[in-house]
Amino acid sequence: MLRLALLGVLALGIVLPVAVSNAARTSPTDGCLVISNSNSIVTVKATGTIVGRFEQGEVTITDPTPGDGTVKVTGYDEAVPLTPPATGGTRKRYSGASNVRFRASGKTTVRVEAIGIDLSAVGRGKVTLNGGVFIDPGLYSMDSDSFCQDKFHLLPETPQTFVLGSTS
């Protein structure tokens, strides 16, 4: 009987985390954004995960709640601390001329102004896209159904703000 109980606990220990993980990945409140080979300004203010890279430009990352996620940037030439948000936290601008990579999770604002942007975001918040300041602004896809595998569009020529995921 003890062996059966241990097997039950072991099975629950395997099944429960997988179920929770699958529920988190398919949460109806999360949306996704994919930016592909873009020359533009992209701002993502969200709770979730943002991963990206660019060839030449800068990324400014604002982390209003340090400790709720992580921020990592590699390949930059210069990092400049900026005035933190009024609510606390940190804000830093990273610039570089060759293959800068970044990752931010938790509640963050990431603003990229660069050439050759590839970016993916999953979470809830707002996204502002502005391709009008560059030639050949690139493509984006944003939705919560296909996980951004289809429906690619040209970045808008004037700044447009979209909702990432749903707030309910």
Protein backbone atom coordinates (compact mmCIF):
# COMPACT_ATOMS: atom_id res chain seq x y z
CA MET A 1 0.00 0.00 0.00
CA LEU A 2 2.85 2.37 0.85
CA ARG A 3 4.42 1.64 -2.54
CA LEU A 4 1.14 2.53 -4.30
CA ALA A 5 0.88 5.79 -2.33
CA LEU A 6 4.46 6.68 -3.24
CA LEU A 7 3.75 5.97 -6.91
CA GLY A 8 0.68 8.22 -6.70
CA VAL A 9 2.69 11.06 -5.16
CA LEU A 10 5.44 10.59 -7.77
CA ALA A 11 2.91 10.65 -10.63
CA LEU A 12 1.28 13.78 -9.19
CA GLY A 13 4.72 15.38 -8.87
CA ILE A 14 5.29 14.81 -12.59
CA VAL A 15 1.81 15.57 -13.95
CA LEU A 16 1.02 18.67 -11.89
CA PRO A 17 4.06 20.76 -12.93
CA VAL A 18 3.51 19.82 -16.59
CA ALA A 19 -0.16 20.84 -16.37
CA VAL A 20 0.71 24.13 -14.66
CA SER A 21 3.44 24.80 -17.21
CA ASN A 22 1.09 24.11 -20.13
CA ALA A 23 -1.58 26.33 -18.59
CA ALA A 24 0.93 29.17 -18.18
CA ARG A 25 2.10 28.85 -21.79
CA THR A 26 -1.42 28.85 -23.20
CA SER A 27 -2.85 31.46 -20.86
CA PRO A 28 -5.61 33.33 -22.68
CA THR A 29 -4.32 36.63 -21.28
CA ASP A 30 -0.85 36.44 -22.84
CA GLY A 31 -0.19 37.81 -26.30
CA CYS A 32 2.85 37.62 -28.50
CA LEU A 33 4.81 39.98 -30.68
CA VAL A 34 7.43 39.09 -33.28
CA ILE A 35 9.53 41.74 -35.04
CA SER A 36 11.54 40.47 -38.00
CA ASN A 37 14.55 42.20 -39.58
CA SER A 38 13.28 45.64 -38.70
CA ASN A 39 14.76 49.11 -38.94
CA SER A 40 12.49 50.99 -36.57
CA ILE A 41 11.62 52.12 -33.07
CA VAL A 42 9.87 49.46 -30.99
CA THR A 43 8.65 50.05 -27.44
CA VAL A 44 7.24 47.20 -25.35
CA LYS A 45 5.82 48.05 -21.92
CA ALA A 46 4.68 44.73 -20.51
CA THR A 47 4.76 42.07 -17.88
CA GLY A 48 6.27 39.00 -19.49
CA THR A 49 9.43 38.16 -21.39
CA ILE A 50 11.13 40.15 -24.16
CA VAL A 51 14.10 38.74 -26.08
CA GLY A 52 15.84 40.45 -28.96
CA ARG A 53 18.90 41.50 -30.88
CA PHE A 54 19.93 44.26 -33.28
CA GLU A 55 22.83 45.12 -35.54
CA GLN A 56 23.32 48.81 -34.76
CA GLY A 57 21.47 51.16 -32.42
CA GLU A 58 20.38 51.30 -28.82
CA VAL A 59 18.05 49.67 -26.33
CA THR A 60 16.77 51.36 -23.19
CA ILE A 61 15.48 49.02 -20.50
CA THR A 62 13.42 50.31 -17.59
CA ASP A 63 12.90 47.89 -14.71
CA PRO A 64 10.47 49.52 -12.26
CA THR A 65 10.44 46.51 -9.93
CA PRO A 66 13.92 44.96 -9.61
CA GLY A 67 13.76 41.37 -8.46
CA ASP A 68 10.51 40.42 -10.24
CA GLY A 69 12.45 39.30 -13.32
CA THR A 70 15.84 39.61 -14.97
CA VAL A 71 17.61 41.94 -17.37
CA LYS A 72 20.62 40.80 -19.41
CA VAL A 73 22.34 42.60 -22.28
CA THR A 74 25.44 41.42 -24.18
CA GLY A 75 27.51 42.72 -27.08
CA TYR A 76 27.03 46.41 -26.28
CA ASP A 77 29.74 49.04 -26.63
CA GLU A 78 28.41 51.43 -23.99
CA ALA A 79 25.97 51.27 -21.06
CA VAL A 80 24.65 54.53 -19.60
CA PRO A 81 22.58 54.62 -16.40
CA LEU A 82 19.63 56.99 -16.78
CA THR A 83 17.36 58.68 -14.26
CA PRO A 84 15.29 55.89 -12.68
CA PRO A 85 11.49 55.98 -12.86
CA ALA A 86 9.73 58.07 -10.20
CA THR A 87 8.37 54.87 -8.67
CA GLY A 88 11.87 53.44 -8.20
CA GLY A 89 13.75 50.78 -10.07
CA THR A 90 16.40 51.17 -12.74
CA ARG A 91 16.75 52.54 -16.27
CA LYS A 92 19.78 51.98 -18.48
CA ARG A 93 20.58 52.61 -22.17
CA TYR A 94 22.84 50.17 -24.02
CA SER A 95 24.27 51.04 -27.44
CA GLY A 96 26.35 49.12 -29.91
CA ALA A 97 27.35 48.72 -33.50
CA SER A 98 27.47 44.95 -33.84
CA ASN A 99 25.05 42.25 -32.70
CA VAL A 100 23.70 43.54 -29.37
CA ARG A 101 21.49 40.96 -27.62
CA PHE A 102 19.06 41.56 -24.76
CA ARG A 103 16.57 39.77 -22.54
CA ALA A 104 14.17 41.22 -19.99
CA SER A 105 11.48 39.54 -17.93
CA GLY A 106 9.00 40.62 -15.29
CA LYS A 107 7.46 44.07 -15.48
CA THR A 108 9.66 46.09 -17.88
CA THR A 109 9.73 48.69 -20.59
CA VAL A 110 12.08 47.98 -23.48
CA ARG A 111 12.62 50.65 -26.16
CA VAL A 112 14.74 49.68 -29.17
CA GLU A 113 15.80 52.20 -31.81
CA ALA A 114 17.98 50.29 -34.20
CA ILE A 115 18.77 48.67 -37.53
CA GLY A 116 18.33 44.92 -37.93
CA ILE A 117 15.95 44.33 -35.00
CA ASP A 118 14.72 40.81 -34.31
CA LEU A 119 12.51 40.71 -31.22
CA SER A 120 10.01 38.38 -29.57
CA ALA A 121 7.75 39.22 -26.64
CA VAL A 122 5.19 37.19 -24.71
CA GLY A 123 3.05 38.76 -22.02
CA ARG A 124 0.53 41.51 -21.31
CA GLY A 125 0.93 45.22 -21.88
CA LYS A 126 1.30 47.74 -24.70
CA VAL A 127 3.47 47.89 -27.80
CA THR A 128 4.28 50.99 -29.87
CA LEU A 129 5.69 50.45 -33.36
CA ASN A 130 7.22 53.22 -35.48
CA GLY A 131 8.83 52.31 -38.79
CA GLY A 132 8.50 55.74 -40.39
CA VAL A 133 11.90 57.05 -39.36
CA PHE A 134 13.74 54.37 -41.35
CA ILE A 135 13.76 52.98 -44.90
CA ASP A 136 12.58 49.35 -45.07
CA PRO A 137 11.04 49.15 -41.58
CA GLY A 138 10.55 45.35 -41.58
CA LEU A 139 7.73 43.07 -40.51
CA TYR A 140 5.75 42.33 -37.36
CA SER A 141 3.16 39.84 -36.20
CA MET A 142 1.06 40.23 -33.10
CA ASP A 143 -1.68 37.98 -31.73
CA SER A 144 -2.58 35.44 -29.12
CA ASP A 145 -3.98 32.62 -31.29
CA SER A 146 -1.27 31.36 -33.65
CA PHE A 147 1.60 32.42 -31.36
CA CYS A 148 2.66 34.88 -34.07
CA GLN A 149 3.40 32.28 -36.73
CA ASP A 150 1.25 34.03 -39.34
CA LYS A 151 -0.23 37.40 -40.16
CA PHE A 152 2.98 39.35 -40.73
CA HIS A 153 2.51 43.02 -41.65
CA LEU A 154 4.79 45.93 -42.56
CA LEU A 155 5.62 48.09 -39.56
CA PRO A 156 3.49 51.25 -39.57
CA GLU A 157 5.02 54.47 -40.92
CA THR A 158 3.58 56.50 -38.04
CA PRO A 159 3.70 55.47 -34.38
CA GLN A 160 0.87 53.07 -33.53
CA THR A 161 0.13 51.53 -30.15
CA PHE A 162 -1.31 48.03 -29.77
CA VAL A 163 -2.45 45.96 -26.81
CA LEU A 164 -0.31 42.90 -26.13
CA GLY A 165 -2.52 40.11 -24.75
CA SER A 166 -5.61 40.94 -22.80
CA THR A 167 -6.00 42.61 -19.43
CA SER A 168 -8.81 40.39 -18.17
